[in-house]
Amino acid sequence: MIDIVDEAPDHTGAREGLLDLVERLTAYSNLHLQGLMTIAEHTEDEASRRRCFATLRELAEQVVAAGFEGVEMKHLSFGEDHW
């Protein structure tokens, strides 16, 4: 799961390290990365939640552009909707 809003101090920088993480995961031949997941920020501001989802799509596009062998971004999951 990708922390888009960086709310938790221990997850700060998760977005910046995504490509490094994907690269490390490619070393596991039995693991087939097919997408990303996030959960929107807990807020009533719909625009803020939409930005979270748009950011996830942008990150998936970055992974595709990096051209990792065996990595697909055919699934984006927005987790549980608590609204």
C-alpha atoms as a PDB file:
ATOM      1  CA  MET A   1       0.000   0.000   0.000  1.00  0.00           C
ATOM      2  CA  ILE A   2       1.292   3.447  -0.890  1.00  0.00           C
ATOM      3  CA  ASP A   3       0.998   6.259   1.662  1.00  0.00           C
ATOM      4  CA  ILE A   4      -0.131   9.188  -0.467  1.00  0.00           C
ATOM      5  CA  VAL A   5      -0.798  11.744   2.259  1.00  0.00           C
ATOM      6  CA  ASP A   6       2.193  10.912   4.475  1.00  0.00           C
ATOM      7  CA  GLU A   7       0.090  11.258   7.617  1.00  0.00           C
ATOM      8  CA  ALA A   8       2.092   8.778   9.663  1.00  0.00           C
ATOM      9  CA  PRO A   9       5.626   9.867  10.593  1.00  0.00           C
ATOM     10  CA  ASP A  10       6.997   6.373   9.942  1.00  0.00           C
ATOM     11  CA  HIS A  11       5.697   6.401   6.357  1.00  0.00           C
ATOM     12  CA  THR A  12       7.064   9.746   5.221  1.00  0.00           C
ATOM     13  CA  GLY A  13       8.799   9.396   1.887  1.00  0.00           C
ATOM     14  CA  ALA A  14       6.934   6.266   0.761  1.00  0.00           C
ATOM     15  CA  ARG A  15       6.187   7.905  -2.592  1.00  0.00           C
ATOM     16  CA  GLU A  16       9.790   8.894  -3.139  1.00  0.00           C
ATOM     17  CA  GLY A  17      10.997   5.340  -2.526  1.00  0.00           C
ATOM     18  CA  LEU A  18       8.444   3.614  -4.744  1.00  0.00           C
ATOM     19  CA  LEU A  19      10.688   3.023  -7.758  1.00  0.00           C
ATOM     20  CA  ASP A  20      13.459   1.680  -5.519  1.00  0.00           C
ATOM     21  CA  LEU A  21      10.968  -0.673  -3.864  1.00  0.00           C
ATOM     22  CA  VAL A  22       9.648  -1.910  -7.214  1.00  0.00           C
ATOM     23  CA  GLU A  23      13.200  -2.506  -8.410  1.00  0.00           C
ATOM     24  CA  ARG A  24      13.960  -4.584  -5.294  1.00  0.00           C
ATOM     25  CA  LEU A  25      10.751  -6.575  -5.744  1.00  0.00           C
ATOM     26  CA  THR A  26      11.748  -7.607  -9.261  1.00  0.00           C
ATOM     27  CA  ALA A  27      14.458  -9.788  -7.709  1.00  0.00           C
ATOM     28  CA  TYR A  28      11.726 -12.173  -6.499  1.00  0.00           C
ATOM     29  CA  SER A  29      10.856 -14.278  -9.545  1.00  0.00           C
ATOM     30  CA  ASN A  30       7.683 -15.677  -7.955  1.00  0.00           C
ATOM     31  CA  LEU A  31       6.306 -12.229  -7.166  1.00  0.00           C
ATOM     32  CA  HIS A  32       4.358 -10.499  -9.922  1.00  0.00           C
ATOM     33  CA  LEU A  33       3.549  -6.877  -9.122  1.00  0.00           C
ATOM     34  CA  GLN A  34       0.351  -5.961 -10.941  1.00  0.00           C
ATOM     35  CA  GLY A  35      -0.721  -2.683  -9.352  1.00  0.00           C
ATOM     36  CA  LEU A  36      -0.779  -0.296  -6.415  1.00  0.00           C
ATOM     37  CA  MET A  37      -3.135   0.376  -3.513  1.00  0.00           C
ATOM     38  CA  THR A  38      -3.873   3.350  -1.277  1.00  0.00           C
ATOM     39  CA  ILE A  39      -6.601   4.496   1.064  1.00  0.00           C
ATOM     40  CA  ALA A  40      -7.778   8.087   0.788  1.00  0.00           C
ATOM     41  CA  GLU A  41      -7.171  10.575   3.545  1.00  0.00           C
ATOM     42  CA  HIS A  42      -9.903  10.524   6.168  1.00  0.00           C
ATOM     43  CA  THR A  43     -11.552  13.823   5.341  1.00  0.00           C
ATOM     44  CA  GLU A  44     -14.919  15.046   4.145  1.00  0.00           C
ATOM     45  CA  ASP A  45     -13.151  17.095   1.462  1.00  0.00           C
ATOM     46  CA  GLU A  46     -13.916  15.162  -1.720  1.00  0.00           C
ATOM     47  CA  ALA A  47     -11.309  17.111  -3.701  1.00  0.00           C
ATOM     48  CA  SER A  48      -8.622  15.995  -1.276  1.00  0.00           C
ATOM     49  CA  ARG A  49      -9.655  12.357  -1.642  1.00  0.00           C
ATOM     50  CA  ARG A  50      -9.676  12.680  -5.424  1.00  0.00           C
ATOM     51  CA  ARG A  51      -6.134  14.093  -5.310  1.00  0.00           C
ATOM     52  CA  CYS A  52      -5.034  10.954  -3.425  1.00  0.00           C
ATOM     53  CA  PHE A  53      -6.448   8.747  -6.148  1.00  0.00           C
ATOM     54  CA  ALA A  54      -4.987  10.887  -8.945  1.00  0.00           C
ATOM     55  CA  THR A  55      -1.586  10.696  -7.265  1.00  0.00           C
ATOM     56  CA  LEU A  56      -1.813   6.902  -7.163  1.00  0.00           C
ATOM     57  CA  ARG A  57      -2.488   6.822 -10.885  1.00  0.00           C
ATOM     58  CA  GLU A  58       0.488   9.133 -11.518  1.00  0.00           C
ATOM     59  CA  LEU A  59       2.715   6.839  -9.451  1.00  0.00           C
ATOM     60  CA  ALA A  60       1.537   3.824 -11.437  1.00  0.00           C
ATOM     61  CA  GLU A  61       2.385   5.692 -14.641  1.00  0.00           C
ATOM     62  CA  GLN A  62       5.899   6.366 -13.283  1.00  0.00           C
ATOM     63  CA  VAL A  63       6.365   2.658 -12.578  1.00  0.00           C
ATOM     64  CA  VAL A  64       5.261   1.781 -16.114  1.00  0.00           C
ATOM     65  CA  ALA A  65       7.565   4.439 -17.598  1.00  0.00           C
ATOM     66  CA  ALA A  66      10.513   2.988 -15.662  1.00  0.00           C
ATOM     67  CA  GLY A  67      10.076  -0.209 -17.683  1.00  0.00           C
ATOM     68  CA  PHE A  68      10.624  -2.841 -15.013  1.00  0.00           C
ATOM     69  CA  GLU A  69      10.522  -6.315 -16.528  1.00  0.00           C
ATOM     70  CA  GLY A  70       7.613  -8.401 -15.290  1.00  0.00           C
ATOM     71  CA  VAL A  71       5.870  -5.469 -13.597  1.00  0.00           C
ATOM     72  CA  GLU A  72       2.414  -4.398 -14.698  1.00  0.00           C
ATOM     73  CA  MET A  73       0.193  -1.634 -13.413  1.00  0.00           C
ATOM     74  CA  LYS A  74      -3.142  -3.017 -14.540  1.00  0.00           C
ATOM     75  CA  HIS A  75      -4.782  -2.709 -11.115  1.00  0.00           C
ATOM     76  CA  LEU A  76      -5.202   0.364  -8.940  1.00  0.00           C
ATOM     77  CA  SER A  77      -6.967  -0.205  -5.632  1.00  0.00           C
ATOM     78  CA  PHE A  78      -8.357   2.562  -3.511  1.00  0.00           C
ATOM     79  CA  GLY A  79      -8.926   0.373  -0.491  1.00  0.00           C
ATOM     80  CA  GLU A  80     -11.997   0.574   1.656  1.00  0.00           C
ATOM     81  CA  ASP A  81     -14.185   3.584   1.274  1.00  0.00           C
ATOM     82  CA  HIS A  82     -15.283   4.734   4.730  1.00  0.00           C
ATOM     83  CA  TRP A  83     -17.610   7.402   3.381  1.00  0.00           C
END
